[in-house]
């Protein structure tokens, strides 16, 4: 965490945004591998009857399943956070945090800027 509260707020908001993007990408990858599964199974089923062809088809299937599992794990890891902040009540919370971030930055700019005092009373 940096020295300013705005940095912590910005880091949190960036984290939530990153979670949503990563979740969507991983979710789509799982779906693509699910769709690809039938093609790979048919490739294995109809592979020429020699060890090299069967092994090549089996390796493709194995890699697909490993890729799917990696993405499925990402989905499971981020799902609660993404669903929590996807709820309209909590979307408002994020909006409020963005407003707070903007206000906090203004305050920090003022406090860290050059400040002067103009006397109010005459001499």
C-alpha atoms as a PDB file:
ATOM      1  CA  UNK A   1       0.000   0.000   0.000  1.00  0.00           C
ATOM      2  CA  UNK A   2       1.226   3.474  -0.838  1.00  0.00           C
ATOM      3  CA  UNK A   3       1.176   6.513   1.349  1.00  0.00           C
ATOM      4  CA  UNK A   4      -2.201   7.811   0.256  1.00  0.00           C
ATOM      5  CA  UNK A   5      -5.619   6.299   0.947  1.00  0.00           C
ATOM      6  CA  UNK A   6      -6.482   6.881  -2.720  1.00  0.00           C
ATOM      7  CA  UNK A   7      -3.827   4.360  -3.731  1.00  0.00           C
ATOM      8  CA  UNK A   8      -5.423   1.639  -1.604  1.00  0.00           C
ATOM      9  CA  UNK A   9      -8.894   2.454  -2.970  1.00  0.00           C
ATOM     10  CA  UNK A  10      -7.586   2.436  -6.527  1.00  0.00           C
ATOM     11  CA  UNK A  11      -5.821  -0.889  -5.965  1.00  0.00           C
ATOM     12  CA  UNK A  12      -9.010  -2.456  -4.605  1.00  0.00           C
ATOM     13  CA  UNK A  13     -11.168  -1.173  -7.484  1.00  0.00           C
ATOM     14  CA  UNK A  14      -8.574  -2.363  -9.972  1.00  0.00           C
ATOM     15  CA  UNK A  15      -8.533  -5.781  -8.300  1.00  0.00           C
ATOM     16  CA  UNK A  16     -12.322  -6.124  -8.569  1.00  0.00           C
ATOM     17  CA  UNK A  17     -12.258  -5.073 -12.228  1.00  0.00           C
ATOM     18  CA  UNK A  18      -9.464  -7.568 -12.922  1.00  0.00           C
ATOM     19  CA  UNK A  19     -11.416 -10.334 -11.194  1.00  0.00           C
ATOM     20  CA  UNK A  20     -14.404  -9.707 -13.445  1.00  0.00           C
ATOM     21  CA  UNK A  21     -12.299  -9.748 -16.637  1.00  0.00           C
ATOM     22  CA  UNK A  22     -10.341 -12.843 -15.641  1.00  0.00           C
ATOM     23  CA  UNK A  23     -13.527 -14.641 -14.567  1.00  0.00           C
ATOM     24  CA  UNK A  24     -15.269 -13.945 -17.880  1.00  0.00           C
ATOM     25  CA  UNK A  25     -12.247 -15.070 -19.872  1.00  0.00           C
ATOM     26  CA  UNK A  26     -11.841 -18.290 -17.874  1.00  0.00           C
ATOM     27  CA  UNK A  27     -15.587 -19.007 -18.024  1.00  0.00           C
ATOM     28  CA  UNK A  28     -15.518 -18.668 -21.819  1.00  0.00           C
ATOM     29  CA  UNK A  29     -12.452 -20.933 -22.038  1.00  0.00           C
ATOM     30  CA  UNK A  30     -14.264 -23.642 -20.047  1.00  0.00           C
ATOM     31  CA  UNK A  31     -17.201 -23.399 -22.451  1.00  0.00           C
ATOM     32  CA  UNK A  32     -14.921 -23.674 -25.483  1.00  0.00           C
ATOM     33  CA  UNK A  33     -13.265 -26.782 -24.073  1.00  0.00           C
ATOM     34  CA  UNK A  34     -16.671 -28.288 -23.298  1.00  0.00           C
ATOM     35  CA  UNK A  35     -17.664 -27.732 -26.924  1.00  0.00           C
ATOM     36  CA  UNK A  36     -14.335 -29.084 -28.164  1.00  0.00           C
ATOM     37  CA  UNK A  37     -14.694 -32.267 -26.096  1.00  0.00           C
ATOM     38  CA  UNK A  38     -16.950 -34.030 -28.618  1.00  0.00           C
ATOM     39  CA  UNK A  39     -14.512 -33.279 -31.432  1.00  0.00           C
ATOM     40  CA  UNK A  40     -11.623 -34.700 -29.424  1.00  0.00           C
ATOM     41  CA  UNK A  41     -13.574 -37.795 -28.411  1.00  0.00           C
ATOM     42  CA  UNK A  42     -14.519 -38.443 -32.020  1.00  0.00           C
ATOM     43  CA  UNK A  43     -10.895 -37.876 -33.007  1.00  0.00           C
ATOM     44  CA  UNK A  44      -9.881 -40.563 -30.554  1.00  0.00           C
ATOM     45  CA  UNK A  45     -12.697 -42.869 -31.633  1.00  0.00           C
ATOM     46  CA  UNK A  46     -11.877 -42.594 -35.334  1.00  0.00           C
ATOM     47  CA  UNK A  47      -8.088 -42.405 -35.067  1.00  0.00           C
ATOM     48  CA  UNK A  48      -6.276 -44.907 -37.254  1.00  0.00           C
ATOM     49  CA  UNK A  49      -5.663 -48.158 -35.441  1.00  0.00           C
ATOM     50  CA  UNK A  50      -2.036 -47.536 -34.630  1.00  0.00           C
ATOM     51  CA  UNK A  51      -0.413 -46.536 -31.372  1.00  0.00           C
ATOM     52  CA  UNK A  52       1.026 -43.237 -32.624  1.00  0.00           C
ATOM     53  CA  UNK A  53      -2.332 -41.916 -33.898  1.00  0.00           C
ATOM     54  CA  UNK A  54      -4.178 -43.025 -30.775  1.00  0.00           C
ATOM     55  CA  UNK A  55      -1.490 -41.512 -28.564  1.00  0.00           C
ATOM     56  CA  UNK A  56      -1.623 -38.200 -30.465  1.00  0.00           C
ATOM     57  CA  UNK A  57      -5.424 -38.045 -30.134  1.00  0.00           C
ATOM     58  CA  UNK A  58      -5.235 -38.955 -26.446  1.00  0.00           C
ATOM     59  CA  UNK A  59      -2.628 -36.231 -25.828  1.00  0.00           C
ATOM     60  CA  UNK A  60      -4.896 -33.625 -27.433  1.00  0.00           C
ATOM     61  CA  UNK A  61      -7.753 -34.773 -25.212  1.00  0.00           C
ATOM     62  CA  UNK A  62      -5.542 -34.687 -22.119  1.00  0.00           C
ATOM     63  CA  UNK A  63      -4.273 -31.165 -22.880  1.00  0.00           C
ATOM     64  CA  UNK A  64      -7.821 -29.986 -23.437  1.00  0.00           C
ATOM     65  CA  UNK A  65      -8.911 -31.364 -20.075  1.00  0.00           C
ATOM     66  CA  UNK A  66      -5.901 -29.807 -18.316  1.00  0.00           C
ATOM     67  CA  UNK A  67      -6.649 -26.429 -19.915  1.00  0.00           C
ATOM     68  CA  UNK A  68     -10.303 -26.750 -18.937  1.00  0.00           C
ATOM     69  CA  UNK A  69      -9.397 -27.648 -15.332  1.00  0.00           C
ATOM     70  CA  UNK A  70      -7.038 -24.659 -15.011  1.00  0.00           C
ATOM     71  CA  UNK A  71      -9.770 -22.317 -16.195  1.00  0.00           C
ATOM     72  CA  UNK A  72     -12.450 -24.032 -14.128  1.00  0.00           C
ATOM     73  CA  UNK A  73     -10.274 -23.506 -11.037  1.00  0.00           C
ATOM     74  CA  UNK A  74      -9.949 -19.800 -11.889  1.00  0.00           C
ATOM     75  CA  UNK A  75     -13.730 -19.561 -12.255  1.00  0.00           C
ATOM     76  CA  UNK A  76     -14.260 -21.220  -8.876  1.00  0.00           C
ATOM     77  CA  UNK A  77     -11.614 -19.032  -7.224  1.00  0.00           C
ATOM     78  CA  UNK A  78     -13.176 -15.763  -8.422  1.00  0.00           C
ATOM     79  CA  UNK A  79     -16.848 -16.706  -8.590  1.00  0.00           C
ATOM     80  CA  UNK A  80     -17.933 -15.475  -5.148  1.00  0.00           C
ATOM     81  CA  UNK A  81     -16.235 -12.101  -5.548  1.00  0.00           C
ATOM     82  CA  UNK A  82     -17.573 -11.576  -9.072  1.00  0.00           C
ATOM     83  CA  UNK A  83     -21.110 -12.593  -8.140  1.00  0.00           C
ATOM     84  CA  UNK A  84     -21.017 -10.445  -4.999  1.00  0.00           C
ATOM     85  CA  UNK A  85     -20.051  -7.315  -6.911  1.00  0.00           C
ATOM     86  CA  UNK A  86     -22.315  -8.271  -9.815  1.00  0.00           C
ATOM     87  CA  UNK A  87     -25.336  -7.925  -7.547  1.00  0.00           C
ATOM     88  CA  UNK A  88     -27.022  -4.529  -8.140  1.00  0.00           C
ATOM     89  CA  UNK A  89     -26.799  -3.641  -4.436  1.00  0.00           C
ATOM     90  CA  UNK A  90     -23.041  -4.109  -4.475  1.00  0.00           C
ATOM     91  CA  UNK A  91     -22.603  -2.481  -7.884  1.00  0.00           C
ATOM     92  CA  UNK A  92     -23.823   0.668  -6.165  1.00  0.00           C
ATOM     93  CA  UNK A  93     -21.183   0.103  -3.494  1.00  0.00           C
ATOM     94  CA  UNK A  94     -18.473   0.050  -6.183  1.00  0.00           C
ATOM     95  CA  UNK A  95     -19.878   3.219  -7.687  1.00  0.00           C
ATOM     96  CA  UNK A  96     -19.736   4.857  -4.263  1.00  0.00           C
ATOM     97  CA  UNK A  97     -16.128   3.730  -3.860  1.00  0.00           C
ATOM     98  CA  UNK A  98     -15.236   5.281  -7.235  1.00  0.00           C
ATOM     99  CA  UNK A  99     -16.816   8.553  -6.090  1.00  0.00           C
ATOM    100  CA  UNK A 100     -14.905   8.312  -2.829  1.00  0.00           C
ATOM    101  CA  UNK A 101     -11.683   7.725  -4.760  1.00  0.00           C
ATOM    102  CA  UNK A 102     -12.250  10.884  -6.788  1.00  0.00           C
ATOM    103  CA  UNK A 103     -12.963  12.937  -3.654  1.00  0.00           C
ATOM    104  CA  UNK A 104      -9.972  11.436  -1.857  1.00  0.00           C
ATOM    105  CA  UNK A 105      -7.648  12.315  -4.744  1.00  0.00           C
ATOM    106  CA  UNK A 106      -8.848  15.925  -4.671  1.00  0.00           C
ATOM    107  CA  UNK A 107      -8.223  16.116  -0.943  1.00  0.00           C
ATOM    108  CA  UNK A 108      -4.747  14.621  -1.334  1.00  0.00           C
ATOM    109  CA  UNK A 109      -3.904  17.036  -4.151  1.00  0.00           C
ATOM    110  CA  UNK A 110      -4.940  19.936  -1.938  1.00  0.00           C
ATOM    111  CA  UNK A 111      -3.023  18.668   1.098  1.00  0.00           C
ATOM    112  CA  UNK A 112       0.115  17.867  -0.888  1.00  0.00           C
ATOM    113  CA  UNK A 113       0.000  20.976  -3.052  1.00  0.00           C
ATOM    114  CA  UNK A 114       1.358  24.385  -2.295  1.00  0.00           C
ATOM    115  CA  UNK A 115      -0.858  25.958   0.328  1.00  0.00           C
ATOM    116  CA  UNK A 116      -0.976  29.609   1.215  1.00  0.00           C
ATOM    117  CA  UNK A 117      -2.811  31.609   3.793  1.00  0.00           C
ATOM    118  CA  UNK A 118      -4.438  34.913   3.003  1.00  0.00           C
ATOM    119  CA  UNK A 119      -5.036  36.993   6.119  1.00  0.00           C
ATOM    120  CA  UNK A 120      -8.649  37.991   6.618  1.00  0.00           C
ATOM    121  CA  UNK A 121      -8.148  40.865   8.956  1.00  0.00           C
ATOM    122  CA  UNK A 122      -6.628  44.202   7.982  1.00  0.00           C
ATOM    123  CA  UNK A 123      -3.298  45.019   9.569  1.00  0.00           C
END
